[in-house]
Protein backbone atom coordinates (compact mmCIF):
# COMPACT_ATOMS: atom_id res chain seq x y z
CA MET A 1 25.51 -24.21 -7.47
CA ASP A 2 26.32 -20.50 -7.53
CA VAL A 3 26.38 -18.51 -4.31
CA ILE A 4 26.01 -14.75 -4.19
CA VAL A 5 27.21 -12.96 -1.07
CA PHE A 6 26.01 -9.49 -0.02
CA GLU A 7 27.01 -7.23 2.79
CA LYS A 8 24.10 -6.96 5.22
CA ASP A 9 23.53 -3.22 4.61
CA SER A 10 23.71 -3.64 0.83
CA PHE A 11 21.19 -6.48 0.92
CA TYR A 12 18.66 -4.48 2.95
CA LYS A 13 19.14 -1.43 0.75
CA MET A 14 18.51 -3.57 -2.35
CA ILE A 15 15.30 -5.00 -0.80
CA ASP A 16 14.06 -1.49 0.10
CA GLU A 17 14.72 -0.21 -3.41
CA LEU A 18 12.99 -3.24 -4.93
CA THR A 19 9.95 -2.65 -2.72
CA ILE A 20 9.77 0.99 -3.82
CA ARG A 21 9.99 -0.06 -7.49
CA ILE A 22 7.18 -2.58 -7.05
CA ILE A 23 4.94 -0.01 -5.35
CA LYS A 24 5.62 2.54 -8.09
CA ASN A 25 4.93 -0.04 -10.79
CA VAL A 26 1.62 -1.02 -9.19
CA GLU A 27 0.73 2.66 -8.78
CA ARG A 28 1.56 3.34 -12.44
CA ASN A 29 -0.65 0.48 -13.65
CA TYR A 30 -3.67 1.63 -11.67
CA LYS A 31 -3.29 5.37 -12.05
CA GLU A 32 -6.33 5.78 -14.30
CA GLU A 33 -8.70 4.60 -11.57
CA LEU A 34 -8.61 7.35 -8.93
CA TRP A 35 -11.58 6.19 -6.82
CA ILE A 36 -12.08 2.52 -5.99
CA ASP A 37 -14.78 0.47 -4.27
CA GLU A 38 -14.57 -1.36 -0.94
CA LYS A 39 -13.47 -4.66 -2.44
CA GLN A 40 -10.61 -3.05 -4.36
CA ALA A 41 -9.55 -1.03 -1.30
CA LYS A 42 -9.43 -4.14 0.88
CA THR A 43 -7.42 -5.98 -1.77
CA LEU A 44 -4.96 -3.11 -2.07
CA LEU A 45 -4.55 -2.95 1.71
CA GLY A 46 -4.38 -6.73 2.06
CA ILE A 47 -7.22 -6.93 4.57
CA ASN A 48 -10.36 -9.06 4.74
CA GLY A 49 -12.59 -7.51 7.37
CA ARG A 50 -14.86 -4.56 6.88
CA SER A 51 -14.13 -3.24 10.39
CA THR A 52 -10.45 -2.59 9.64
CA LEU A 53 -11.35 -0.56 6.58
CA GLN A 54 -13.96 1.35 8.56
CA LYS A 55 -11.42 2.13 11.32
CA LEU A 56 -9.02 3.55 8.71
CA ARG A 57 -11.87 5.60 7.29
CA ASP A 58 -13.13 6.81 10.68
CA SER A 59 -9.64 7.86 11.80
CA LEU A 60 -9.14 9.65 8.45
CA LYS A 61 -6.01 7.65 7.69
CA ILE A 62 -7.29 7.11 4.15
CA GLU A 63 -9.46 9.45 2.09
CA PHE A 64 -12.94 8.49 0.99
CA SER A 65 -16.06 9.94 -0.56
CA GLN A 66 -19.57 8.99 0.44
CA PHE A 67 -22.85 9.59 -1.32
CA GLY A 68 -25.68 7.86 0.47
CA ARG A 69 -24.55 4.30 1.09
CA ILE A 70 -21.99 4.32 -1.69
CA ILE A 71 -18.43 4.78 -0.44
CA ARG A 72 -15.44 5.18 -2.73
CA TYR A 73 -11.84 5.18 -1.56
CA HIS A 74 -9.09 7.42 -2.90
CA ARG A 75 -6.43 5.06 -4.31
CA PRO A 76 -3.48 7.51 -3.98
CA SER A 77 -4.29 8.05 -0.29
CA ILE A 78 -4.25 4.28 0.29
CA LEU A 79 -0.89 3.97 -1.46
CA ALA A 80 0.42 6.92 0.59
CA PHE A 81 -0.86 5.23 3.77
CA LEU A 82 0.97 2.03 2.85
CA GLU A 83 4.16 3.98 2.13
CA ARG A 84 3.94 5.92 5.43
CA ASN A 85 3.61 2.64 7.31
CA ARG A 86 6.31 0.78 5.40
CA ARG A 87 9.08 -0.59 7.54
CA GLY A 88 12.51 -1.05 6.03
CA LEU A 89 14.24 -4.37 6.43
CA ASP A 90 17.27 -2.61 7.87
CA LYS A 91 15.25 -2.01 11.08
CA ILE A 92 14.79 -5.70 11.79
């Protein structure tokens, strides 16, 4: 069995950089779809309830467009919201 040892700071820095790479990769794969529906927005945010999405919309934390009853969510604003609220593992 091989054991790899990291300094604590190096480990947390590696995890943060990996998280950023994953987010950028996901963003790159979905770049062509600028506006998404409610189901896609909830999946991207990792939420189930409609009320949480509505609270984010009402507080203008994510951008949206509404025409009648049809609401579309701006994917880049959701990704920016997730990035703004990201907590690094070095703060644990």
